[in-house]
Amino acid sequence: MTTPRTDRLDLRLSTEAKQALQAAAMVRQTSVSDFVLASALEAAQEALADRNRFGLDADQWAAFQAALDAPPTSKPRLQQLLQGRSVFE
């Protein structure tokens, strides 16, 4: 079951861009709206992919888990930085 489409997205485009979208939608045998939505969602997923998930092989996964499980280490320079006055003050 698909989610009903209730929101709208308006955009301005050149005549050439509109014609290109119409031609591409015709080739795919779909509406311009469906073509643009599918293309935009694909681009959004690609843009967000590295922010949502990442792949690791077994060795990398083990190292990642070890880093998460390791106790925190002291960072004196970071502590000094955080205790000083902010450049924005």
C-alpha atoms as a PDB file:
ATOM      1  CA  MET A   1       0.000   0.000   0.000  1.00  0.00           C
ATOM      2  CA  THR A   2       1.432   3.377  -0.970  1.00  0.00           C
ATOM      3  CA  THR A   3       1.235   6.496   1.130  1.00  0.00           C
ATOM      4  CA  PRO A   4      -1.234   9.028  -0.266  1.00  0.00           C
ATOM      5  CA  ARG A   5       0.321  12.105  -1.794  1.00  0.00           C
ATOM      6  CA  THR A   6      -0.999  15.123   0.038  1.00  0.00           C
ATOM      7  CA  ASP A   7       1.893  17.612  -0.072  1.00  0.00           C
ATOM      8  CA  ARG A   8       2.905  19.715  -3.036  1.00  0.00           C
ATOM      9  CA  LEU A   9       6.254  20.953  -4.299  1.00  0.00           C
ATOM     10  CA  ASP A  10       6.288  23.838  -6.759  1.00  0.00           C
ATOM     11  CA  LEU A  11       9.267  24.825  -8.837  1.00  0.00           C
ATOM     12  CA  ARG A  12      10.093  27.127 -11.678  1.00  0.00           C
ATOM     13  CA  LEU A  13      11.978  25.840 -14.681  1.00  0.00           C
ATOM     14  CA  SER A  14      12.892  26.868 -18.177  1.00  0.00           C
ATOM     15  CA  THR A  15      10.926  25.749 -21.227  1.00  0.00           C
ATOM     16  CA  GLU A  16      13.885  23.600 -22.251  1.00  0.00           C
ATOM     17  CA  ALA A  17      14.024  21.879 -18.869  1.00  0.00           C
ATOM     18  CA  LYS A  18      10.283  21.198 -18.944  1.00  0.00           C
ATOM     19  CA  GLN A  19      10.527  19.751 -22.444  1.00  0.00           C
ATOM     20  CA  ALA A  20      13.421  17.498 -21.388  1.00  0.00           C
ATOM     21  CA  LEU A  21      11.424  16.220 -18.393  1.00  0.00           C
ATOM     22  CA  GLN A  22       8.369  15.603 -20.558  1.00  0.00           C
ATOM     23  CA  ALA A  23      10.449  13.692 -23.121  1.00  0.00           C
ATOM     24  CA  ALA A  24      12.114  11.583 -20.449  1.00  0.00           C
ATOM     25  CA  ALA A  25       8.766  10.817 -18.808  1.00  0.00           C
ATOM     26  CA  MET A  26       7.353   9.774 -22.169  1.00  0.00           C
ATOM     27  CA  VAL A  27      10.298   7.416 -22.743  1.00  0.00           C
ATOM     28  CA  ARG A  28       9.675   5.866 -19.324  1.00  0.00           C
ATOM     29  CA  GLN A  29       5.934   5.748 -20.047  1.00  0.00           C
ATOM     30  CA  THR A  30       5.047   7.659 -16.908  1.00  0.00           C
ATOM     31  CA  SER A  31       3.745  11.075 -15.978  1.00  0.00           C
ATOM     32  CA  VAL A  32       6.079  14.021 -15.598  1.00  0.00           C
ATOM     33  CA  SER A  33       5.091  14.228 -11.935  1.00  0.00           C
ATOM     34  CA  ASP A  34       5.957  10.563 -11.300  1.00  0.00           C
ATOM     35  CA  PHE A  35       9.196  10.876 -13.281  1.00  0.00           C
ATOM     36  CA  VAL A  36      10.323  13.984 -11.392  1.00  0.00           C
ATOM     37  CA  LEU A  37       9.364  12.512  -8.010  1.00  0.00           C
ATOM     38  CA  ALA A  38      11.185   9.225  -8.655  1.00  0.00           C
ATOM     39  CA  SER A  39      14.273  11.035  -9.957  1.00  0.00           C
ATOM     40  CA  ALA A  40      14.328  13.478  -7.044  1.00  0.00           C
ATOM     41  CA  LEU A  41      13.907  10.710  -4.457  1.00  0.00           C
ATOM     42  CA  GLU A  42      16.725   8.715  -6.052  1.00  0.00           C
ATOM     43  CA  ALA A  43      18.989  11.778  -5.918  1.00  0.00           C
ATOM     44  CA  ALA A  44      17.975  12.411  -2.285  1.00  0.00           C
ATOM     45  CA  GLN A  45      18.762   8.833  -1.285  1.00  0.00           C
ATOM     46  CA  GLU A  46      22.145   9.062  -2.994  1.00  0.00           C
ATOM     47  CA  ALA A  47      22.940  12.385  -1.304  1.00  0.00           C
ATOM     48  CA  LEU A  48      21.985  11.028   2.115  1.00  0.00           C
ATOM     49  CA  ALA A  49      23.409   7.510   1.766  1.00  0.00           C
ATOM     50  CA  ASP A  50      26.701   8.231   3.513  1.00  0.00           C
ATOM     51  CA  ARG A  51      24.829   9.909   6.354  1.00  0.00           C
ATOM     52  CA  ASN A  52      22.396   7.035   6.939  1.00  0.00           C
ATOM     53  CA  ARG A  53      24.479   3.898   6.605  1.00  0.00           C
ATOM     54  CA  PHE A  54      27.932   2.698   5.780  1.00  0.00           C
ATOM     55  CA  GLY A  55      29.426  -0.669   5.011  1.00  0.00           C
ATOM     56  CA  LEU A  56      32.373  -2.295   6.754  1.00  0.00           C
ATOM     57  CA  ASP A  57      34.140  -5.570   6.167  1.00  0.00           C
ATOM     58  CA  ALA A  58      34.658  -7.963   9.111  1.00  0.00           C
ATOM     59  CA  ASP A  59      38.020  -6.467  10.162  1.00  0.00           C
ATOM     60  CA  GLN A  60      36.735  -2.899   9.947  1.00  0.00           C
ATOM     61  CA  TRP A  61      33.605  -3.865  11.917  1.00  0.00           C
ATOM     62  CA  ALA A  62      35.722  -5.448  14.650  1.00  0.00           C
ATOM     63  CA  ALA A  63      37.907  -2.325  14.858  1.00  0.00           C
ATOM     64  CA  PHE A  64      34.812  -0.122  14.966  1.00  0.00           C
ATOM     65  CA  GLN A  65      33.292  -2.155  17.798  1.00  0.00           C
ATOM     66  CA  ALA A  66      36.587  -2.119  19.687  1.00  0.00           C
ATOM     67  CA  ALA A  67      36.743   1.671  19.387  1.00  0.00           C
ATOM     68  CA  LEU A  68      33.184   1.980  20.703  1.00  0.00           C
ATOM     69  CA  ASP A  69      33.899  -0.366  23.600  1.00  0.00           C
ATOM     70  CA  ALA A  70      37.231   1.220  24.556  1.00  0.00           C
ATOM     71  CA  PRO A  71      37.285   3.507  27.581  1.00  0.00           C
ATOM     72  CA  PRO A  72      37.570   7.210  26.802  1.00  0.00           C
ATOM     73  CA  THR A  73      41.075   8.604  26.605  1.00  0.00           C
ATOM     74  CA  SER A  74      42.192  11.861  28.145  1.00  0.00           C
ATOM     75  CA  LYS A  75      42.634  14.718  25.688  1.00  0.00           C
ATOM     76  CA  PRO A  76      44.363  17.516  27.661  1.00  0.00           C
ATOM     77  CA  ARG A  77      44.475  19.948  24.738  1.00  0.00           C
ATOM     78  CA  LEU A  78      40.764  19.467  24.056  1.00  0.00           C
ATOM     79  CA  GLN A  79      39.973  19.938  27.745  1.00  0.00           C
ATOM     80  CA  GLN A  80      42.047  23.137  27.772  1.00  0.00           C
ATOM     81  CA  LEU A  81      40.258  24.397  24.670  1.00  0.00           C
ATOM     82  CA  LEU A  82      36.820  23.746  26.157  1.00  0.00           C
ATOM     83  CA  GLN A  83      37.685  25.454  29.439  1.00  0.00           C
ATOM     84  CA  GLY A  84      38.972  28.637  27.805  1.00  0.00           C
ATOM     85  CA  ARG A  85      36.997  31.618  26.567  1.00  0.00           C
ATOM     86  CA  SER A  86      35.103  31.165  23.348  1.00  0.00           C
ATOM     87  CA  VAL A  87      36.124  33.262  20.347  1.00  0.00           C
ATOM     88  CA  PHE A  88      32.462  34.292  20.204  1.00  0.00           C
ATOM     89  CA  GLU A  89      32.451  35.816  23.698  1.00  0.00           C
END
